[in-house]
Amino acid sequence: MSDAQTRLGVPGSDPDPSPEVGPESPWLSLGDAGRLTGKHPDTIRALARRGRIPARKSNRGAWVVQVPARMLSGSGPEYPGSGPERLGDRPESHPATPGSGPVAELVGELREEVADLREALGRSEAGRDAAVAQARAEGNLQAARAEAERDATRTMLADVRQALDQERARADRLEAALAEARQPWLARVLDGLRRRGS
């Protein structure tokens, strides 16, 4: 068998060795481990995937596990006629009946996995909602900044127009004063007398 031990479903990671499992403990197929413990092979696979029991791939590519002593069933094997002398048999030839303890345990494991997935989905949705809310808040902030800049630009343009109008009026007054200053002295005196007479 391969020297590199891996957790089921997580290649390349070392399993946490159970204090009840020593290096001399035999490596069993999922079916054999299920018969020895009275658990369904899918339950054994779930325990290995969660790192609760050591697991690795054999040279043939099949998963094998080491079973802690605490998991050994004292009530006999799960599958009829599968004593120690028949460890080579496959569990598929002796399926567990619905409603039996191991099936109920497998259902419990699956429900636990579904609950974990729902919790992960809830966290993912909460993260998505937070990201959407943050994006909206940032969009609203940018829109408010753009509107404030637009209002400031409008105010500045109004001030420039007002200053331009004032400069035009001043230029008109200066032009009128210049035109009056250019008139001959006599014409200005006569123009002043006319204004007094009218």
C-alpha atoms as a PDB file:
ATOM      1  CA  MET A   1       0.000   0.000   0.000  1.00  0.00           C
ATOM      2  CA  SER A   2       1.065   3.608  -0.510  1.00  0.00           C
ATOM      3  CA  ASP A   3       3.084   5.232   2.272  1.00  0.00           C
ATOM      4  CA  ALA A   4       1.306   8.563   1.882  1.00  0.00           C
ATOM      5  CA  GLN A   5      -1.858   8.561   3.955  1.00  0.00           C
ATOM      6  CA  THR A   6      -4.692  10.823   2.941  1.00  0.00           C
ATOM      7  CA  ARG A   7      -8.065  11.704   4.262  1.00  0.00           C
ATOM      8  CA  LEU A   8     -10.935  10.510   2.129  1.00  0.00           C
ATOM      9  CA  GLY A   9     -11.728  13.195  -0.423  1.00  0.00           C
ATOM     10  CA  VAL A  10      -8.740  15.367   0.570  1.00  0.00           C
ATOM     11  CA  PRO A  11      -5.661  13.883  -1.132  1.00  0.00           C
ATOM     12  CA  GLY A  12      -2.290  14.899   0.186  1.00  0.00           C
ATOM     13  CA  SER A  13      -3.296  15.675   3.788  1.00  0.00           C
ATOM     14  CA  ASP A  14      -2.269  13.510   6.736  1.00  0.00           C
ATOM     15  CA  PRO A  15      -5.122  12.264   8.909  1.00  0.00           C
ATOM     16  CA  ASP A  16      -5.126  12.958  12.611  1.00  0.00           C
ATOM     17  CA  PRO A  17      -4.180   9.579  14.057  1.00  0.00           C
ATOM     18  CA  SER A  18      -6.720   8.236  16.514  1.00  0.00           C
ATOM     19  CA  PRO A  19      -5.246   7.239  19.886  1.00  0.00           C
ATOM     20  CA  GLU A  20      -7.213   3.981  19.549  1.00  0.00           C
ATOM     21  CA  VAL A  21      -5.605   3.133  16.197  1.00  0.00           C
ATOM     22  CA  GLY A  22      -1.956   2.116  16.101  1.00  0.00           C
ATOM     23  CA  PRO A  23       0.339   1.722  13.117  1.00  0.00           C
ATOM     24  CA  GLU A  24      -0.147  -2.056  13.320  1.00  0.00           C
ATOM     25  CA  SER A  25      -3.940  -1.738  12.940  1.00  0.00           C
ATOM     26  CA  PRO A  26      -5.087  -3.306   9.682  1.00  0.00           C
ATOM     27  CA  TRP A  27      -6.293  -1.229   6.744  1.00  0.00           C
ATOM     28  CA  LEU A  28      -9.798  -2.362   5.754  1.00  0.00           C
ATOM     29  CA  SER A  29     -12.003  -1.662   2.783  1.00  0.00           C
ATOM     30  CA  LEU A  30     -15.123   0.416   3.426  1.00  0.00           C
ATOM     31  CA  GLY A  31     -17.301  -2.706   3.157  1.00  0.00           C
ATOM     32  CA  ASP A  32     -15.149  -4.702   5.562  1.00  0.00           C
ATOM     33  CA  ALA A  33     -15.030  -1.820   8.032  1.00  0.00           C
ATOM     34  CA  GLY A  34     -18.805  -1.508   7.759  1.00  0.00           C
ATOM     35  CA  ARG A  35     -19.294  -5.182   8.568  1.00  0.00           C
ATOM     36  CA  LEU A  36     -16.937  -5.042  11.561  1.00  0.00           C
ATOM     37  CA  THR A  37     -18.519  -1.907  13.022  1.00  0.00           C
ATOM     38  CA  GLY A  38     -22.122  -2.582  12.105  1.00  0.00           C
ATOM     39  CA  LYS A  39     -22.221   0.683  10.164  1.00  0.00           C
ATOM     40  CA  HIS A  40     -23.104   1.250   6.547  1.00  0.00           C
ATOM     41  CA  PRO A  41     -20.079   1.793   4.237  1.00  0.00           C
ATOM     42  CA  ASP A  42     -21.379   5.257   3.381  1.00  0.00           C
ATOM     43  CA  THR A  43     -21.273   6.108   7.092  1.00  0.00           C
ATOM     44  CA  ILE A  44     -17.660   4.891   7.243  1.00  0.00           C
ATOM     45  CA  ARG A  45     -16.869   7.000   4.177  1.00  0.00           C
ATOM     46  CA  ALA A  46     -18.467  10.065   5.833  1.00  0.00           C
ATOM     47  CA  LEU A  47     -16.437   9.508   9.019  1.00  0.00           C
ATOM     48  CA  ALA A  48     -13.233   9.221   6.977  1.00  0.00           C
ATOM     49  CA  ARG A  49     -14.065  12.312   4.934  1.00  0.00           C
ATOM     50  CA  ARG A  50     -14.486  14.298   8.150  1.00  0.00           C
ATOM     51  CA  GLY A  51     -11.182  13.012   9.472  1.00  0.00           C
ATOM     52  CA  ARG A  52     -12.705  11.054  12.357  1.00  0.00           C
ATOM     53  CA  ILE A  53     -10.943   7.849  11.321  1.00  0.00           C
ATOM     54  CA  PRO A  54      -7.668   7.393   9.384  1.00  0.00           C
ATOM     55  CA  ALA A  55      -8.104   6.737   5.653  1.00  0.00           C
ATOM     56  CA  ARG A  56      -5.928   6.426   2.575  1.00  0.00           C
ATOM     57  CA  LYS A  57      -6.011   5.027  -0.940  1.00  0.00           C
ATOM     58  CA  SER A  58      -4.702   1.537  -1.561  1.00  0.00           C
ATOM     59  CA  ASN A  59      -2.454   0.621  -4.493  1.00  0.00           C
ATOM     60  CA  ARG A  60      -5.603  -0.259  -6.431  1.00  0.00           C
ATOM     61  CA  GLY A  61      -7.034   3.222  -5.871  1.00  0.00           C
ATOM     62  CA  ALA A  62      -9.779   2.090  -3.450  1.00  0.00           C
ATOM     63  CA  TRP A  63     -10.221   3.773  -0.083  1.00  0.00           C
ATOM     64  CA  VAL A  64      -9.174   1.834   3.007  1.00  0.00           C
ATOM     65  CA  VAL A  65      -9.606   2.825   6.650  1.00  0.00           C
ATOM     66  CA  GLN A  66      -8.347   1.898  10.104  1.00  0.00           C
ATOM     67  CA  VAL A  67     -11.160   1.190  12.555  1.00  0.00           C
ATOM     68  CA  PRO A  68     -10.746   2.329  16.194  1.00  0.00           C
ATOM     69  CA  ALA A  69     -11.561  -0.282  18.837  1.00  0.00           C
ATOM     70  CA  ARG A  70     -14.427   1.844  20.170  1.00  0.00           C
ATOM     71  CA  MET A  71     -16.267   1.448  16.843  1.00  0.00           C
ATOM     72  CA  LEU A  72     -16.138  -2.350  16.772  1.00  0.00           C
ATOM     73  CA  SER A  73     -19.657  -3.743  17.086  1.00  0.00           C
ATOM     74  CA  GLY A  74     -20.247  -6.272  19.845  1.00  0.00           C
ATOM     75  CA  SER A  75     -23.682  -7.143  18.496  1.00  0.00           C
ATOM     76  CA  GLY A  76     -22.417  -8.776  15.325  1.00  0.00           C
ATOM     77  CA  PRO A  77     -22.033  -7.590  11.762  1.00  0.00           C
ATOM     78  CA  GLU A  78     -24.505  -5.356   9.976  1.00  0.00           C
ATOM     79  CA  TYR A  79     -24.908  -7.748   7.059  1.00  0.00           C
ATOM     80  CA  PRO A  80     -26.273 -11.282   7.582  1.00  0.00           C
ATOM     81  CA  GLY A  81     -23.733 -14.074   7.198  1.00  0.00           C
ATOM     82  CA  SER A  82     -20.724 -11.740   7.123  1.00  0.00           C
ATOM     83  CA  GLY A  83     -18.606 -12.964  10.007  1.00  0.00           C
ATOM     84  CA  PRO A  84     -14.819 -12.602  10.110  1.00  0.00           C
ATOM     85  CA  GLU A  85     -14.442 -15.571   7.810  1.00  0.00           C
ATOM     86  CA  ARG A  86     -16.321 -13.671   5.051  1.00  0.00           C
ATOM     87  CA  LEU A  87     -14.493 -10.318   5.072  1.00  0.00           C
ATOM     88  CA  GLY A  88     -13.947 -10.536   1.327  1.00  0.00           C
ATOM     89  CA  ASP A  89     -17.692 -10.325   0.591  1.00  0.00           C
ATOM     90  CA  ARG A  90     -19.112  -7.078  -0.756  1.00  0.00           C
ATOM     91  CA  PRO A  91     -21.790  -5.243   1.300  1.00  0.00           C
ATOM     92  CA  GLU A  92     -23.905  -4.796  -1.818  1.00  0.00           C
ATOM     93  CA  SER A  93     -24.790  -8.504  -1.663  1.00  0.00           C
ATOM     94  CA  HIS A  94     -26.279  -7.979   1.817  1.00  0.00           C
ATOM     95  CA  PRO A  95     -27.952  -4.553   1.822  1.00  0.00           C
ATOM     96  CA  ALA A  96     -29.204  -3.088   5.064  1.00  0.00           C
ATOM     97  CA  THR A  97     -32.941  -2.933   5.507  1.00  0.00           C
ATOM     98  CA  PRO A  98     -34.620   0.495   5.610  1.00  0.00           C
ATOM     99  CA  GLY A  99     -35.283   1.715   9.113  1.00  0.00           C
ATOM    100  CA  SER A 100     -32.411  -0.263  10.622  1.00  0.00           C
ATOM    101  CA  GLY A 101     -29.942   1.422  12.960  1.00  0.00           C
ATOM    102  CA  PRO A 102     -27.118   1.885  10.434  1.00  0.00           C
ATOM    103  CA  VAL A 103     -29.479   3.297   7.819  1.00  0.00           C
ATOM    104  CA  ALA A 104     -30.896   5.682  10.378  1.00  0.00           C
ATOM    105  CA  GLU A 105     -27.330   6.655  11.313  1.00  0.00           C
ATOM    106  CA  LEU A 106     -26.506   7.248   7.633  1.00  0.00           C
ATOM    107  CA  VAL A 107     -29.617   9.399   7.308  1.00  0.00           C
ATOM    108  CA  GLY A 108     -28.467  11.337  10.372  1.00  0.00           C
ATOM    109  CA  GLU A 109     -25.021  11.855   8.816  1.00  0.00           C
ATOM    110  CA  LEU A 110     -26.601  13.036   5.566  1.00  0.00           C
ATOM    111  CA  ARG A 111     -28.900  15.396   7.455  1.00  0.00           C
ATOM    112  CA  GLU A 112     -25.886  16.785   9.276  1.00  0.00           C
ATOM    113  CA  GLU A 113     -24.128  17.349   5.942  1.00  0.00           C
ATOM    114  CA  VAL A 114     -27.236  19.041   4.536  1.00  0.00           C
ATOM    115  CA  ALA A 115     -27.364  21.288   7.609  1.00  0.00           C
ATOM    116  CA  ASP A 116     -23.679  22.169   7.099  1.00  0.00           C
ATOM    117  CA  LEU A 117     -24.333  22.954   3.437  1.00  0.00           C
ATOM    118  CA  ARG A 118     -27.334  25.100   4.337  1.00  0.00           C
ATOM    119  CA  GLU A 119     -25.258  26.984   6.868  1.00  0.00           C
ATOM    120  CA  ALA A 120     -22.520  27.530   4.276  1.00  0.00           C
ATOM    121  CA  LEU A 121     -25.139  28.664   1.768  1.00  0.00           C
ATOM    122  CA  GLY A 122     -26.583  31.070   4.337  1.00  0.00           C
ATOM    123  CA  ARG A 123     -23.121  32.524   4.971  1.00  0.00           C
ATOM    124  CA  SER A 124     -22.540  32.812   1.241  1.00  0.00           C
ATOM    125  CA  GLU A 125     -25.869  34.583   0.708  1.00  0.00           C
ATOM    126  CA  ALA A 126     -25.177  36.923   3.637  1.00  0.00           C
ATOM    127  CA  GLY A 127     -21.791  37.750   2.136  1.00  0.00           C
ATOM    128  CA  ARG A 128     -23.374  38.367  -1.245  1.00  0.00           C
ATOM    129  CA  ASP A 129     -26.046  40.618   0.285  1.00  0.00           C
ATOM    130  CA  ALA A 130     -23.374  42.559   2.183  1.00  0.00           C
ATOM    131  CA  ALA A 131     -21.329  42.976  -1.006  1.00  0.00           C
ATOM    132  CA  VAL A 132     -24.405  44.177  -2.928  1.00  0.00           C
ATOM    133  CA  ALA A 133     -25.304  46.618  -0.134  1.00  0.00           C
ATOM    134  CA  GLN A 134     -21.743  47.932  -0.054  1.00  0.00           C
ATOM    135  CA  ALA A 135     -21.715  48.340  -3.846  1.00  0.00           C
ATOM    136  CA  ARG A 136     -25.024  50.215  -3.688  1.00  0.00           C
ATOM    137  CA  ALA A 137     -23.766  52.446  -0.877  1.00  0.00           C
ATOM    138  CA  GLU A 138     -20.590  53.202  -2.825  1.00  0.00           C
ATOM    139  CA  GLY A 139     -22.664  53.916  -5.941  1.00  0.00           C
ATOM    140  CA  ASN A 140     -24.948  56.254  -3.981  1.00  0.00           C
ATOM    141  CA  LEU A 141     -21.908  57.995  -2.492  1.00  0.00           C
ATOM    142  CA  GLN A 142     -20.345  58.480  -5.922  1.00  0.00           C
ATOM    143  CA  ALA A 143     -23.653  59.797  -7.288  1.00  0.00           C
ATOM    144  CA  ALA A 144     -23.931  62.249  -4.366  1.00  0.00           C
ATOM    145  CA  ARG A 145     -20.364  63.424  -4.980  1.00  0.00           C
ATOM    146  CA  ALA A 146     -21.036  63.893  -8.683  1.00  0.00           C
ATOM    147  CA  GLU A 147     -24.209  65.868  -7.912  1.00  0.00           C
ATOM    148  CA  ALA A 148     -22.342  68.080  -5.412  1.00  0.00           C
ATOM    149  CA  GLU A 149     -19.606  68.731  -7.977  1.00  0.00           C
ATOM    150  CA  ARG A 150     -22.226  69.589 -10.594  1.00  0.00           C
ATOM    151  CA  ASP A 151     -23.941  72.025  -8.198  1.00  0.00           C
ATOM    152  CA  ALA A 152     -20.592  73.623  -7.334  1.00  0.00           C
ATOM    153  CA  THR A 153     -19.817  74.009 -11.048  1.00  0.00           C
ATOM    154  CA  ARG A 154     -23.199  75.632 -11.663  1.00  0.00           C
ATOM    155  CA  THR A 155     -22.653  78.053  -8.774  1.00  0.00           C
ATOM    156  CA  MET A 156     -19.205  78.939 -10.085  1.00  0.00           C
ATOM    157  CA  LEU A 157     -20.589  79.544 -13.594  1.00  0.00           C
ATOM    158  CA  ALA A 158     -23.305  81.814 -12.177  1.00  0.00           C
ATOM    159  CA  ASP A 159     -20.663  83.819 -10.282  1.00  0.00           C
ATOM    160  CA  VAL A 160     -18.553  84.111 -13.446  1.00  0.00           C
ATOM    161  CA  ARG A 161     -21.570  85.333 -15.441  1.00  0.00           C
ATOM    162  CA  GLN A 162     -22.415  87.923 -12.792  1.00  0.00           C
ATOM    163  CA  ALA A 163     -18.823  89.165 -12.714  1.00  0.00           C
ATOM    164  CA  LEU A 164     -18.822  89.310 -16.531  1.00  0.00           C
ATOM    165  CA  ASP A 165     -22.035  91.362 -16.562  1.00  0.00           C
ATOM    166  CA  GLN A 166     -20.537  93.769 -14.014  1.00  0.00           C
ATOM    167  CA  GLU A 167     -17.386  94.143 -16.116  1.00  0.00           C
ATOM    168  CA  ARG A 168     -19.465  94.811 -19.229  1.00  0.00           C
ATOM    169  CA  ALA A 169     -21.451  97.550 -17.454  1.00  0.00           C
ATOM    170  CA  ARG A 170     -18.214  99.099 -16.205  1.00  0.00           C
ATOM    171  CA  ALA A 171     -16.742  98.952 -19.708  1.00  0.00           C
ATOM    172  CA  ASP A 172     -19.849 100.692 -21.080  1.00  0.00           C
ATOM    173  CA  ARG A 173     -19.478 103.485 -18.488  1.00  0.00           C
ATOM    174  CA  LEU A 174     -15.794 103.894 -19.255  1.00  0.00           C
ATOM    175  CA  GLU A 175     -16.482 103.995 -22.985  1.00  0.00           C
ATOM    176  CA  ALA A 176     -19.134 106.699 -22.507  1.00  0.00           C
ATOM    177  CA  ALA A 177     -16.740 108.730 -20.318  1.00  0.00           C
ATOM    178  CA  LEU A 178     -13.995 108.366 -22.937  1.00  0.00           C
ATOM    179  CA  ALA A 179     -16.296 109.491 -25.735  1.00  0.00           C
ATOM    180  CA  GLU A 180     -17.261 112.533 -23.687  1.00  0.00           C
ATOM    181  CA  ALA A 181     -13.622 113.294 -22.934  1.00  0.00           C
ATOM    182  CA  ARG A 182     -12.775 113.214 -26.644  1.00  0.00           C
ATOM    183  CA  GLN A 183     -15.285 115.977 -27.507  1.00  0.00           C
ATOM    184  CA  PRO A 184     -13.782 119.484 -28.070  1.00  0.00           C
ATOM    185  CA  TRP A 185     -13.856 121.859 -25.107  1.00  0.00           C
ATOM    186  CA  LEU A 186     -16.319 124.253 -26.711  1.00  0.00           C
ATOM    187  CA  ALA A 187     -18.696 121.451 -27.683  1.00  0.00           C
ATOM    188  CA  ARG A 188     -18.722 120.237 -24.081  1.00  0.00           C
ATOM    189  CA  VAL A 189     -19.546 123.706 -22.762  1.00  0.00           C
ATOM    190  CA  LEU A 190     -22.379 124.122 -25.258  1.00  0.00           C
ATOM    191  CA  ASP A 191     -23.673 120.660 -24.458  1.00  0.00           C
ATOM    192  CA  GLY A 192     -23.623 121.547 -20.741  1.00  0.00           C
ATOM    193  CA  LEU A 193     -25.537 124.796 -21.377  1.00  0.00           C
ATOM    194  CA  ARG A 194     -28.143 122.923 -23.414  1.00  0.00           C
ATOM    195  CA  ARG A 195     -28.680 120.543 -20.586  1.00  0.00           C
ATOM    196  CA  ARG A 196     -29.199 123.401 -18.145  1.00  0.00           C
ATOM    197  CA  GLY A 197     -31.661 125.135 -20.456  1.00  0.00           C
ATOM    198  CA  SER A 198     -33.820 122.081 -20.972  1.00  0.00           C
END
